[in-house]
Every structure is written in C-alpha cells, then in structure tokens.
Amino acid sequence: HYQDLDENMTTADIKKLLNNPKAEGEHLFFALDTLTTRLKKDRNDAEALKFLVHFVGDLHQPMHLGHKDDKGGNKVDFNWFGKKTNLHSVWDGAMMESEKMSYSEFSRYLQDKFEPRKAEIKKFNILQSVEATYAAQILIYKYDTSDTNNYHYVYHFAGLRDEMLYRGGIQLANMLNAIYK
C-alpha cells in the first residue's frame, strides 16, 4: 500500500513508474493497476473493489509516497501531543483524530470546502494525483520539525491534508466511473 519514491523525481519519472507499475516491485502502483484490471474483468469482484478503495486512499496519503530510506516516514520520530510516534502515523491518522469529527461530518466538511473547485479537481487523472501527492510529501519533509508545537503543525498542514483527502475521493469516483460505465 505504498510506493516509496526517490527525491527530485520529474513528471516523466513518475509517468514511467505508472506505465511500468512493476518496475520497482509489486507496490502501490502495481496494486492499483492489478485491481483495476480485475474489476474491469469482473465488476462484481468485491475483494478487488475493497482493496481499490483502500489503495486509492493510500495514494493520496503523502507518506505512502515517501522516501525509501525512512520507509515513508516510519523511521522519522515525532512527538505528537506528548505521545511518541512517527511522521507516517501522524499522516495516517493522528492529524484526523485531532479534528474530533465523525467520518460523515468530515466528508460533508470537505464537500462544502472544495465545492468551488470540484469541476477542476474532477479533471485530474491518476498521474496528476500522484504528482499532487508527491508535491505534498516534499512539503512535509521540508517542514522544520524543530517546531514541536503540534498545533502549529496542524495549522500548517490541515489545508493540504484536506485537499489530499478530497482529491482521493474524487479520484476514486473517477476510477469507479471508468470501470462501471
């Protein structure tokens, strides 16, 4: 459910990986390709559908496209409101938990927030989604972690987190619409 990416990748580099999803092993790009193929062959493949939903979400979690040397932030220590954790875990759930909203409340919040940009975001293809996630992880890695005020961190990245979650939902809808025409 991850695809560790090298630093300083270009659009051409990312496109090459997407077009050759097994180039670096059976990781996230390979899984997405395989699951999409399975669903096109059997639209009732519930297992493939469940994993596709999960993996499209992972594709939009920036640390799932993190650096190889730190395992997508898993080896980057982080103190999150007094609890020792890692950067990957902060992005996998800790930031969301701080919102104290139910899934349906947060979904409504994102729909309202991004309604003015919905048509624009719907036009994004998978390459553009990967590029957006890759750009997000670059910003995350550049953040000055000497600022240990987690409220600053949430304030700094909440908008980016929200956009990545919304993009993930839209990209999933685009993929499902293509499969289930």
N, C-alpha and C. Protein backbone atom coordinates (compact mmCIF):
# COMPACT_ATOMS: atom_id res chain seq x y z
N HIS A 1 0.81 -1.20 0.00
CA HIS A 1 0.00 0.00 0.00
C HIS A 1 0.85 1.26 0.00
N TYR A 2 2.07 1.13 -0.43
CA TYR A 2 2.96 2.29 -0.54
C TYR A 2 3.78 2.17 -1.81
N GLN A 3 4.37 3.29 -2.20
CA GLN A 3 5.28 3.32 -3.35
C GLN A 3 6.35 4.34 -2.98
N ASP A 4 7.41 3.89 -2.33
CA ASP A 4 8.47 4.81 -1.96
C ASP A 4 9.07 5.42 -3.22
N LEU A 5 9.21 6.74 -3.20
CA LEU A 5 9.71 7.44 -4.37
C LEU A 5 11.03 8.14 -4.06
N ASP A 6 11.88 8.22 -5.06
CA ASP A 6 13.15 8.93 -4.92
C ASP A 6 12.89 10.42 -4.81
N GLU A 7 13.85 11.12 -4.27
CA GLU A 7 13.76 12.57 -4.22
C GLU A 7 14.02 13.13 -5.62
N ASN A 8 13.50 14.30 -5.88
CA ASN A 8 13.74 15.04 -7.13
C ASN A 8 13.24 14.31 -8.38
N MET A 9 12.14 13.60 -8.26
CA MET A 9 11.58 12.94 -9.43
C MET A 9 10.87 13.96 -10.32
N THR A 10 10.90 13.73 -11.61
CA THR A 10 10.20 14.58 -12.57
C THR A 10 8.87 13.93 -12.93
N THR A 11 8.06 14.68 -13.65
CA THR A 11 6.81 14.13 -14.15
C THR A 11 7.09 12.91 -15.02
N ALA A 12 8.12 12.99 -15.84
CA ALA A 12 8.49 11.86 -16.72
C ALA A 12 8.87 10.64 -15.89
N ASP A 13 9.59 10.84 -14.79
CA ASP A 13 9.97 9.72 -13.92
C ASP A 13 8.73 9.05 -13.32
N ILE A 14 7.82 9.87 -12.84
CA ILE A 14 6.60 9.34 -12.22
C ILE A 14 5.75 8.62 -13.26
N LYS A 15 5.62 9.23 -14.44
CA LYS A 15 4.84 8.62 -15.52
C LYS A 15 5.43 7.27 -15.92
N LYS A 16 6.75 7.19 -15.96
CA LYS A 16 7.42 5.94 -16.30
C LYS A 16 7.07 4.84 -15.29
N LEU A 17 7.06 5.20 -14.00
CA LEU A 17 6.68 4.23 -12.96
C LEU A 17 5.22 3.80 -13.09
N LEU A 18 4.35 4.75 -13.37
CA LEU A 18 2.93 4.41 -13.53
C LEU A 18 2.70 3.51 -14.74
N ASN A 19 3.44 3.78 -15.81
CA ASN A 19 3.30 2.98 -17.02
C ASN A 19 3.97 1.61 -16.91
N ASN A 20 4.87 1.47 -15.97
CA ASN A 20 5.57 0.21 -15.70
C ASN A 20 5.42 -0.11 -14.22
N PRO A 21 4.20 -0.41 -13.78
CA PRO A 21 3.91 -0.49 -12.35
C PRO A 21 4.70 -1.54 -11.57
N LYS A 22 5.32 -2.47 -12.26
CA LYS A 22 6.10 -3.49 -11.57
C LYS A 22 7.60 -3.18 -11.58
N ALA A 23 7.96 -2.01 -12.11
CA ALA A 23 9.37 -1.65 -12.28
C ALA A 23 10.16 -1.70 -10.98
N GLU A 24 9.53 -1.35 -9.88
CA GLU A 24 10.22 -1.34 -8.59
C GLU A 24 9.63 -2.37 -7.64
N GLY A 25 8.97 -3.35 -8.18
CA GLY A 25 8.36 -4.39 -7.35
C GLY A 25 6.85 -4.25 -7.32
N GLU A 26 6.23 -5.10 -6.58
CA GLU A 26 4.77 -5.12 -6.51
C GLU A 26 4.29 -4.22 -5.37
N HIS A 27 4.32 -2.93 -5.65
CA HIS A 27 3.94 -1.93 -4.65
C HIS A 27 2.61 -1.28 -5.05
N LEU A 28 2.39 -0.07 -4.60
CA LEU A 28 1.10 0.60 -4.76
C LEU A 28 0.68 0.75 -6.22
N PHE A 29 1.56 1.20 -7.09
CA PHE A 29 1.17 1.39 -8.48
C PHE A 29 0.79 0.06 -9.13
N PHE A 30 1.53 -0.99 -8.80
CA PHE A 30 1.22 -2.33 -9.30
C PHE A 30 -0.14 -2.78 -8.77
N ALA A 31 -0.39 -2.56 -7.49
CA ALA A 31 -1.66 -2.98 -6.89
C ALA A 31 -2.84 -2.26 -7.54
N LEU A 32 -2.71 -0.96 -7.75
CA LEU A 32 -3.80 -0.20 -8.38
C LEU A 32 -4.08 -0.72 -9.79
N ASP A 33 -3.02 -0.97 -10.53
CA ASP A 33 -3.16 -1.48 -11.90
C ASP A 33 -3.83 -2.86 -11.89
N THR A 34 -3.37 -3.72 -11.01
CA THR A 34 -3.92 -5.08 -10.92
C THR A 34 -5.39 -5.08 -10.52
N LEU A 35 -5.72 -4.28 -9.51
CA LEU A 35 -7.10 -4.23 -9.03
C LEU A 35 -8.04 -3.65 -10.07
N THR A 36 -7.60 -2.62 -10.76
CA THR A 36 -8.41 -2.03 -11.82
C THR A 36 -8.67 -3.05 -12.92
N THR A 37 -7.64 -3.78 -13.30
CA THR A 37 -7.78 -4.83 -14.32
C THR A 37 -8.75 -5.91 -13.86
N ARG A 38 -8.63 -6.32 -12.61
CA ARG A 38 -9.54 -7.34 -12.07
C ARG A 38 -10.99 -6.87 -12.13
N LEU A 39 -11.22 -5.61 -11.75
CA LEU A 39 -12.59 -5.11 -11.74
C LEU A 39 -13.15 -4.92 -13.14
N LYS A 40 -12.30 -4.61 -14.10
CA LYS A 40 -12.78 -4.49 -15.48
C LYS A 40 -13.19 -5.86 -16.02
N LYS A 41 -12.53 -6.91 -15.55
CA LYS A 41 -12.86 -8.28 -15.97
C LYS A 41 -14.07 -8.81 -15.22
N ASP A 42 -14.18 -8.47 -13.95
CA ASP A 42 -15.29 -8.94 -13.12
C ASP A 42 -15.76 -7.80 -12.23
N ARG A 43 -16.77 -7.11 -12.68
CA ARG A 43 -17.28 -5.93 -11.97
C ARG A 43 -17.84 -6.27 -10.60
N ASN A 44 -18.04 -7.54 -10.30
CA ASN A 44 -18.58 -7.97 -9.00
C ASN A 44 -17.52 -8.50 -8.05
N ASP A 45 -16.26 -8.28 -8.38
CA ASP A 45 -15.14 -8.74 -7.54
C ASP A 45 -15.05 -7.84 -6.31
N ALA A 46 -15.76 -8.24 -5.25
CA ALA A 46 -15.86 -7.42 -4.04
C ALA A 46 -14.50 -7.20 -3.38
N GLU A 47 -13.66 -8.23 -3.38
CA GLU A 47 -12.34 -8.09 -2.77
C GLU A 47 -11.51 -7.03 -3.50
N ALA A 48 -11.51 -7.08 -4.81
CA ALA A 48 -10.76 -6.10 -5.59
C ALA A 48 -11.30 -4.69 -5.35
N LEU A 49 -12.60 -4.55 -5.26
CA LEU A 49 -13.22 -3.25 -5.01
C LEU A 49 -12.80 -2.69 -3.65
N LYS A 50 -12.85 -3.54 -2.63
CA LYS A 50 -12.46 -3.08 -1.28
C LYS A 50 -11.01 -2.62 -1.25
N PHE A 51 -10.13 -3.40 -1.88
CA PHE A 51 -8.72 -3.01 -1.88
C PHE A 51 -8.48 -1.77 -2.74
N LEU A 52 -9.21 -1.63 -3.84
CA LEU A 52 -9.05 -0.44 -4.67
C LEU A 52 -9.42 0.81 -3.88
N VAL A 53 -10.52 0.76 -3.15
CA VAL A 53 -10.93 1.89 -2.31
C VAL A 53 -9.82 2.24 -1.32
N HIS A 54 -9.29 1.23 -0.66
CA HIS A 54 -8.23 1.44 0.33
C HIS A 54 -6.98 2.02 -0.32
N PHE A 55 -6.56 1.44 -1.43
CA PHE A 55 -5.29 1.84 -2.05
C PHE A 55 -5.37 3.21 -2.72
N VAL A 56 -6.54 3.59 -3.24
CA VAL A 56 -6.67 4.95 -3.78
C VAL A 56 -6.54 5.95 -2.63
N GLY A 57 -7.06 5.58 -1.47
CA GLY A 57 -6.85 6.43 -0.29
C GLY A 57 -5.37 6.53 0.06
N ASP A 58 -4.69 5.39 0.04
CA ASP A 58 -3.25 5.38 0.33
C ASP A 58 -2.48 6.24 -0.67
N LEU A 59 -2.89 6.22 -1.92
CA LEU A 59 -2.22 7.01 -2.96
C LEU A 59 -2.24 8.49 -2.63
N HIS A 60 -3.23 8.92 -1.88
CA HIS A 60 -3.37 10.35 -1.54
C HIS A 60 -2.90 10.67 -0.14
N GLN A 61 -2.30 9.71 0.55
CA GLN A 61 -1.67 9.95 1.84
C GLN A 61 -0.19 10.15 1.53
N PRO A 62 0.32 11.39 1.64
CA PRO A 62 1.66 11.70 1.14
C PRO A 62 2.79 10.80 1.63
N MET A 63 2.70 10.28 2.82
CA MET A 63 3.79 9.45 3.32
C MET A 63 3.77 8.06 2.69
N HIS A 64 2.70 7.70 1.99
CA HIS A 64 2.67 6.44 1.25
C HIS A 64 3.45 6.56 -0.05
N LEU A 65 3.88 7.78 -0.37
CA LEU A 65 4.80 8.02 -1.48
C LEU A 65 6.08 8.63 -0.93
N GLY A 66 6.45 8.24 0.27
CA GLY A 66 7.60 8.80 0.97
C GLY A 66 8.93 8.25 0.50
N HIS A 67 9.94 8.60 1.26
CA HIS A 67 11.31 8.22 0.93
C HIS A 67 11.60 6.76 1.28
N LYS A 68 12.43 6.14 0.46
CA LYS A 68 12.81 4.74 0.69
C LYS A 68 13.63 4.59 1.97
N ASP A 69 14.54 5.54 2.21
CA ASP A 69 15.47 5.39 3.33
C ASP A 69 14.80 5.47 4.70
N ASP A 70 13.64 6.10 4.79
CA ASP A 70 12.97 6.18 6.09
C ASP A 70 11.62 5.46 6.08
N LYS A 71 11.43 4.64 5.07
CA LYS A 71 10.20 3.84 4.94
C LYS A 71 8.94 4.71 5.02
N GLY A 72 8.94 5.77 4.21
CA GLY A 72 7.77 6.64 4.15
C GLY A 72 7.46 7.35 5.45
N GLY A 73 8.50 7.75 6.17
CA GLY A 73 8.31 8.46 7.43
C GLY A 73 8.17 7.58 8.64
N ASN A 74 8.16 6.27 8.47
CA ASN A 74 8.05 5.36 9.62
C ASN A 74 9.26 5.43 10.53
N LYS A 75 10.41 5.83 9.98
CA LYS A 75 11.63 5.93 10.80
C LYS A 75 11.90 7.36 11.25
N VAL A 76 10.96 8.27 11.00
CA VAL A 76 11.11 9.66 11.42
C VAL A 76 10.34 9.85 12.72
N ASP A 77 11.05 9.98 13.82
CA ASP A 77 10.41 10.13 15.12
C ASP A 77 9.62 11.44 15.19
N PHE A 78 8.51 11.37 15.90
CA PHE A 78 7.64 12.53 16.02
C PHE A 78 6.99 12.47 17.39
N ASN A 79 6.94 13.60 18.08
CA ASN A 79 6.25 13.70 19.35
C ASN A 79 4.91 14.37 19.07
N TRP A 80 3.83 13.61 19.18
CA TRP A 80 2.51 14.12 18.83
C TRP A 80 1.69 14.30 20.10
N PHE A 81 1.58 15.54 20.54
CA PHE A 81 0.86 15.89 21.75
C PHE A 81 1.26 14.99 22.93
N GLY A 82 2.57 14.86 23.11
CA GLY A 82 3.12 14.14 24.25
C GLY A 82 3.29 12.64 24.04
N LYS A 83 2.89 12.16 22.88
CA LYS A 83 3.00 10.72 22.59
C LYS A 83 4.06 10.51 21.52
N LYS A 84 4.98 9.57 21.78
CA LYS A 84 6.00 9.26 20.79
C LYS A 84 5.38 8.45 19.67
N THR A 85 5.61 8.90 18.44
CA THR A 85 5.08 8.23 17.26
C THR A 85 6.05 8.48 16.11
N ASN A 86 5.56 8.42 14.90
CA ASN A 86 6.42 8.72 13.75
C ASN A 86 5.62 9.54 12.74
N LEU A 87 6.36 10.11 11.80
CA LEU A 87 5.75 11.00 10.81
C LEU A 87 4.66 10.30 10.00
N HIS A 88 4.89 9.06 9.63
CA HIS A 88 3.91 8.31 8.86
C HIS A 88 2.59 8.19 9.64
N SER A 89 2.69 7.86 10.90
CA SER A 89 1.49 7.69 11.73
C SER A 89 0.73 8.99 11.93
N VAL A 90 1.46 10.09 11.99
CA VAL A 90 0.80 11.40 12.11
C VAL A 90 -0.10 11.60 10.90
N TRP A 91 0.43 11.29 9.71
CA TRP A 91 -0.35 11.48 8.49
C TRP A 91 -1.35 10.36 8.25
N ASP A 92 -1.13 9.21 8.82
CA ASP A 92 -2.07 8.09 8.63
C ASP A 92 -3.31 8.23 9.49
N GLY A 93 -3.27 9.03 10.53
CA GLY A 93 -4.47 9.12 11.35
C GLY A 93 -4.45 10.15 12.45
N ALA A 94 -3.28 10.44 13.02
CA ALA A 94 -3.23 11.33 14.18
C ALA A 94 -3.78 12.72 13.88
N MET A 95 -3.46 13.26 12.71
CA MET A 95 -3.98 14.59 12.38
C MET A 95 -5.51 14.57 12.25
N MET A 96 -6.05 13.50 11.69
CA MET A 96 -7.50 13.39 11.54
C MET A 96 -8.18 13.26 12.90
N GLU A 97 -7.58 12.46 13.76
CA GLU A 97 -8.17 12.26 15.08
C GLU A 97 -8.28 13.56 15.85
N SER A 98 -7.37 14.50 15.59
CA SER A 98 -7.41 15.78 16.29
C SER A 98 -8.61 16.63 15.88
N GLU A 99 -9.26 16.28 14.77
CA GLU A 99 -10.42 17.05 14.30
C GLU A 99 -11.69 16.76 15.10
N LYS A 100 -11.76 15.57 15.69
CA LYS A 100 -12.92 15.20 16.52
C LYS A 100 -14.24 15.26 15.74
N MET A 101 -14.19 14.87 14.45
CA MET A 101 -15.41 14.80 13.65
C MET A 101 -15.65 13.35 13.25
N SER A 102 -16.91 13.01 13.06
CA SER A 102 -17.23 11.69 12.52
C SER A 102 -16.83 11.68 11.04
N TYR A 103 -16.81 10.49 10.45
CA TYR A 103 -16.49 10.39 9.02
C TYR A 103 -17.50 11.16 8.18
N SER A 104 -18.76 11.04 8.52
CA SER A 104 -19.78 11.74 7.72
C SER A 104 -19.68 13.25 7.90
N GLU A 105 -19.38 13.71 9.10
CA GLU A 105 -19.19 15.15 9.32
C GLU A 105 -17.99 15.66 8.52
N PHE A 106 -16.90 14.90 8.55
CA PHE A 106 -15.70 15.35 7.83
C PHE A 106 -15.93 15.29 6.32
N SER A 107 -16.64 14.30 5.86
CA SER A 107 -16.97 14.21 4.43
C SER A 107 -17.77 15.43 3.99
N ARG A 108 -18.77 15.80 4.76
CA ARG A 108 -19.60 16.97 4.44
C ARG A 108 -18.74 18.23 4.46
N TYR A 109 -17.87 18.35 5.44
CA TYR A 109 -16.96 19.50 5.55
C TYR A 109 -16.10 19.61 4.27
N LEU A 110 -15.52 18.48 3.82
CA LEU A 110 -14.68 18.51 2.62
C LEU A 110 -15.50 18.85 1.38
N GLN A 111 -16.70 18.29 1.27
CA GLN A 111 -17.54 18.60 0.11
C GLN A 111 -17.87 20.08 0.05
N ASP A 112 -18.20 20.65 1.19
CA ASP A 112 -18.52 22.08 1.24
C ASP A 112 -17.28 22.93 0.93
N LYS A 113 -16.17 22.56 1.52
CA LYS A 113 -14.94 23.33 1.35
C LYS A 113 -14.46 23.35 -0.11
N PHE A 114 -14.56 22.21 -0.78
CA PHE A 114 -13.99 22.10 -2.13
C PHE A 114 -15.03 22.20 -3.25
N GLU A 115 -16.28 22.48 -2.92
CA GLU A 115 -17.31 22.61 -3.95
C GLU A 115 -16.89 23.60 -5.05
N PRO A 116 -16.31 24.75 -4.72
CA PRO A 116 -15.91 25.68 -5.79
C PRO A 116 -14.83 25.12 -6.74
N ARG A 117 -14.09 24.11 -6.29
CA ARG A 117 -13.01 23.54 -7.12
C ARG A 117 -13.32 22.13 -7.62
N LYS A 118 -14.52 21.66 -7.38
CA LYS A 118 -14.86 20.28 -7.71
C LYS A 118 -14.65 19.97 -9.19
N ALA A 119 -15.14 20.83 -10.07
CA ALA A 119 -15.01 20.59 -11.51
C ALA A 119 -13.54 20.52 -11.92
N GLU A 120 -12.74 21.40 -11.36
CA GLU A 120 -11.29 21.40 -11.66
C GLU A 120 -10.63 20.11 -11.19
N ILE A 121 -10.91 19.71 -9.97
CA ILE A 121 -10.28 18.52 -9.39
C ILE A 121 -10.76 17.24 -10.09
N LYS A 122 -12.01 17.22 -10.54
CA LYS A 122 -12.53 16.05 -11.26
C LYS A 122 -11.76 15.78 -12.54
N LYS A 123 -11.13 16.79 -13.10
CA LYS A 123 -10.39 16.63 -14.36
C LYS A 123 -9.02 15.98 -14.15
N PHE A 124 -8.59 15.84 -12.91
CA PHE A 124 -7.27 15.26 -12.64
C PHE A 124 -7.25 13.79 -13.00
N ASN A 125 -6.19 13.37 -13.68
CA ASN A 125 -6.00 11.95 -13.96
C ASN A 125 -5.08 11.36 -12.89
N ILE A 126 -4.80 10.09 -13.01
CA ILE A 126 -4.00 9.40 -11.97
C ILE A 126 -2.60 10.00 -11.88
N LEU A 127 -1.99 10.35 -12.99
CA LEU A 127 -0.67 10.97 -12.96
C LEU A 127 -0.70 12.27 -12.19
N GLN A 128 -1.69 13.09 -12.44
CA GLN A 128 -1.79 14.36 -11.72
C GLN A 128 -2.05 14.14 -10.23
N SER A 129 -2.78 13.10 -9.89
CA SER A 129 -2.99 12.77 -8.48
C SER A 129 -1.68 12.38 -7.81
N VAL A 130 -0.90 11.55 -8.49
CA VAL A 130 0.39 11.13 -7.94
C VAL A 130 1.30 12.35 -7.80
N GLU A 131 1.31 13.21 -8.81
CA GLU A 131 2.15 14.42 -8.73
C GLU A 131 1.74 15.30 -7.56
N ALA A 132 0.45 15.44 -7.32
CA ALA A 132 -0.03 16.26 -6.19
C ALA A 132 0.41 15.64 -4.86
N THR A 133 0.30 14.33 -4.75
CA THR A 133 0.71 13.65 -3.52
C THR A 133 2.22 13.76 -3.34
N TYR A 134 2.95 13.61 -4.42
CA TYR A 134 4.42 13.73 -4.37
C TYR A 134 4.83 15.13 -3.94
N ALA A 135 4.17 16.15 -4.49
CA ALA A 135 4.46 17.54 -4.10
C ALA A 135 4.14 17.76 -2.62
N ALA A 136 3.08 17.13 -2.13
CA ALA A 136 2.71 17.25 -0.72
C ALA A 136 3.79 16.63 0.16
N GLN A 137 4.29 15.45 -0.20
CA GLN A 137 5.31 14.82 0.66
C GLN A 137 6.58 15.64 0.67
N ILE A 138 6.90 16.33 -0.42
CA ILE A 138 8.08 17.20 -0.43
C ILE A 138 7.92 18.29 0.62
N LEU A 139 6.74 18.91 0.67
CA LEU A 139 6.48 19.95 1.67
C LEU A 139 6.57 19.40 3.09
N ILE A 140 6.05 18.20 3.29
CA ILE A 140 6.06 17.59 4.62
C ILE A 140 7.50 17.34 5.07
N TYR A 141 8.31 16.80 4.19
CA TYR A 141 9.71 16.54 4.55
C TYR A 141 10.50 17.83 4.80
N LYS A 142 10.10 18.92 4.17
CA LYS A 142 10.82 20.19 4.33
C LYS A 142 10.43 20.93 5.61
N TYR A 143 9.35 20.53 6.24
CA TYR A 143 8.87 21.23 7.42
C TYR A 143 9.93 21.18 8.53
N ASP A 144 10.11 22.28 9.19
CA ASP A 144 11.09 22.38 10.27
C ASP A 144 10.54 21.68 11.52
N THR A 145 11.00 20.47 11.74
CA THR A 145 10.48 19.70 12.87
C THR A 145 11.03 20.16 14.22
N SER A 146 11.90 21.17 14.21
CA SER A 146 12.33 21.70 15.50
C SER A 146 11.18 22.47 16.16
N ASP A 147 10.18 22.87 15.36
CA ASP A 147 8.97 23.46 15.92
C ASP A 147 8.11 22.32 16.43
N THR A 148 8.14 22.11 17.72
CA THR A 148 7.45 20.96 18.31
C THR A 148 6.02 21.30 18.75
N ASN A 149 5.54 22.48 18.39
CA ASN A 149 4.17 22.84 18.71
C ASN A 149 3.26 22.16 17.69
N ASN A 150 2.58 21.11 18.11
CA ASN A 150 1.74 20.34 17.19
C ASN A 150 0.56 21.13 16.66
N TYR A 151 0.11 22.14 17.42
CA TYR A 151 -0.95 23.00 16.91
C TYR A 151 -0.47 23.75 15.68
N HIS A 152 0.79 24.20 15.69
CA HIS A 152 1.37 24.84 14.50
C HIS A 152 1.37 23.87 13.33
N TYR A 153 1.75 22.63 13.60
CA TYR A 153 1.82 21.61 12.55
C TYR A 153 0.44 21.39 11.93
N VAL A 154 -0.57 21.22 12.75
CA VAL A 154 -1.93 21.02 12.25
C VAL A 154 -2.36 22.24 11.45
N TYR A 155 -2.12 23.43 11.98
CA TYR A 155 -2.50 24.66 11.28
C TYR A 155 -1.79 24.73 9.93
N HIS A 156 -0.51 24.39 9.91
CA HIS A 156 0.30 24.47 8.69
C HIS A 156 -0.18 23.48 7.63
N PHE A 157 -0.57 22.27 8.04
CA PHE A 157 -0.86 21.21 7.08
C PHE A 157 -2.33 20.81 6.94
N ALA A 158 -3.22 21.39 7.72
CA ALA A 158 -4.63 20.98 7.65
C ALA A 158 -5.22 21.18 6.26
N GLY A 159 -4.91 22.28 5.64
CA GLY A 159 -5.44 22.55 4.29
C GLY A 159 -4.94 21.54 3.28
N LEU A 160 -3.66 21.22 3.36
CA LEU A 160 -3.08 20.23 2.46
C LEU A 160 -3.68 18.85 2.71
N ARG A 161 -3.82 18.48 3.98
CA ARG A 161 -4.45 17.20 4.33
C ARG A 161 -5.86 17.13 3.76
N ASP A 162 -6.62 18.21 3.95
CA ASP A 162 -8.00 18.24 3.45
C ASP A 162 -8.03 18.07 1.94
N GLU A 163 -7.16 18.77 1.25
CA GLU A 163 -7.15 18.69 -0.21
C GLU A 163 -6.78 17.28 -0.68
N MET A 164 -5.82 16.66 -0.03
CA MET A 164 -5.42 15.32 -0.43
C MET A 164 -6.56 14.33 -0.20
N LEU A 165 -7.28 14.47 0.90
CA LEU A 165 -8.42 13.59 1.16
C LEU A 165 -9.52 13.79 0.12
N TYR A 166 -9.80 15.04 -0.19
CA TYR A 166 -10.82 15.33 -1.19
C TYR A 166 -10.41 14.81 -2.56
N ARG A 167 -9.17 15.07 -2.94
CA ARG A 167 -8.66 14.57 -4.22
C ARG A 167 -8.78 13.04 -4.28
N GLY A 168 -8.47 12.38 -3.18
CA GLY A 168 -8.58 10.93 -3.14
C GLY A 168 -9.99 10.46 -3.41
N GLY A 169 -10.96 11.11 -2.81
CA GLY A 169 -12.36 10.75 -3.05
C GLY A 169 -12.78 10.97 -4.49
N ILE A 170 -12.37 12.09 -5.04
CA ILE A 170 -12.71 12.39 -6.43
C ILE A 170 -12.01 11.42 -7.39
N GLN A 171 -10.73 11.12 -7.12
CA GLN A 171 -10.00 10.19 -7.98
C GLN A 171 -10.63 8.81 -7.92
N LEU A 172 -11.05 8.39 -6.74
CA LEU A 172 -11.72 7.10 -6.61
C LEU A 172 -13.01 7.10 -7.44
N ALA A 173 -13.79 8.17 -7.35
CA ALA A 173 -15.02 8.27 -8.14
C ALA A 173 -14.70 8.20 -9.63
N ASN A 174 -13.65 8.89 -10.07
CA ASN A 174 -13.26 8.85 -11.48
C ASN A 174 -12.91 7.43 -11.91
N MET A 175 -12.15 6.73 -11.08
CA MET A 175 -11.74 5.37 -11.42
C MET A 175 -12.94 4.43 -11.47
N LEU A 176 -13.83 4.55 -10.49
CA LEU A 176 -15.01 3.69 -10.45
C LEU A 176 -15.94 3.98 -11.62
N ASN A 177 -16.08 5.26 -11.96
CA ASN A 177 -16.91 5.62 -13.13
C ASN A 177 -16.35 5.02 -14.41
N ALA A 178 -15.02 4.99 -14.52
CA ALA A 178 -14.40 4.40 -15.71
C ALA A 178 -14.60 2.88 -15.76
N ILE A 179 -14.58 2.26 -14.60
CA ILE A 179 -14.75 0.80 -14.54
C ILE A 179 -16.22 0.40 -14.76
N TYR A 180 -17.10 1.13 -14.10
CA TYR A 180 -18.53 0.75 -14.09
C TYR A 180 -19.37 1.62 -15.02
N LYS A 181 -18.83 2.09 -16.10
CA LYS A 181 -19.50 2.98 -17.05
C LYS A 181 -20.99 2.75 -17.12
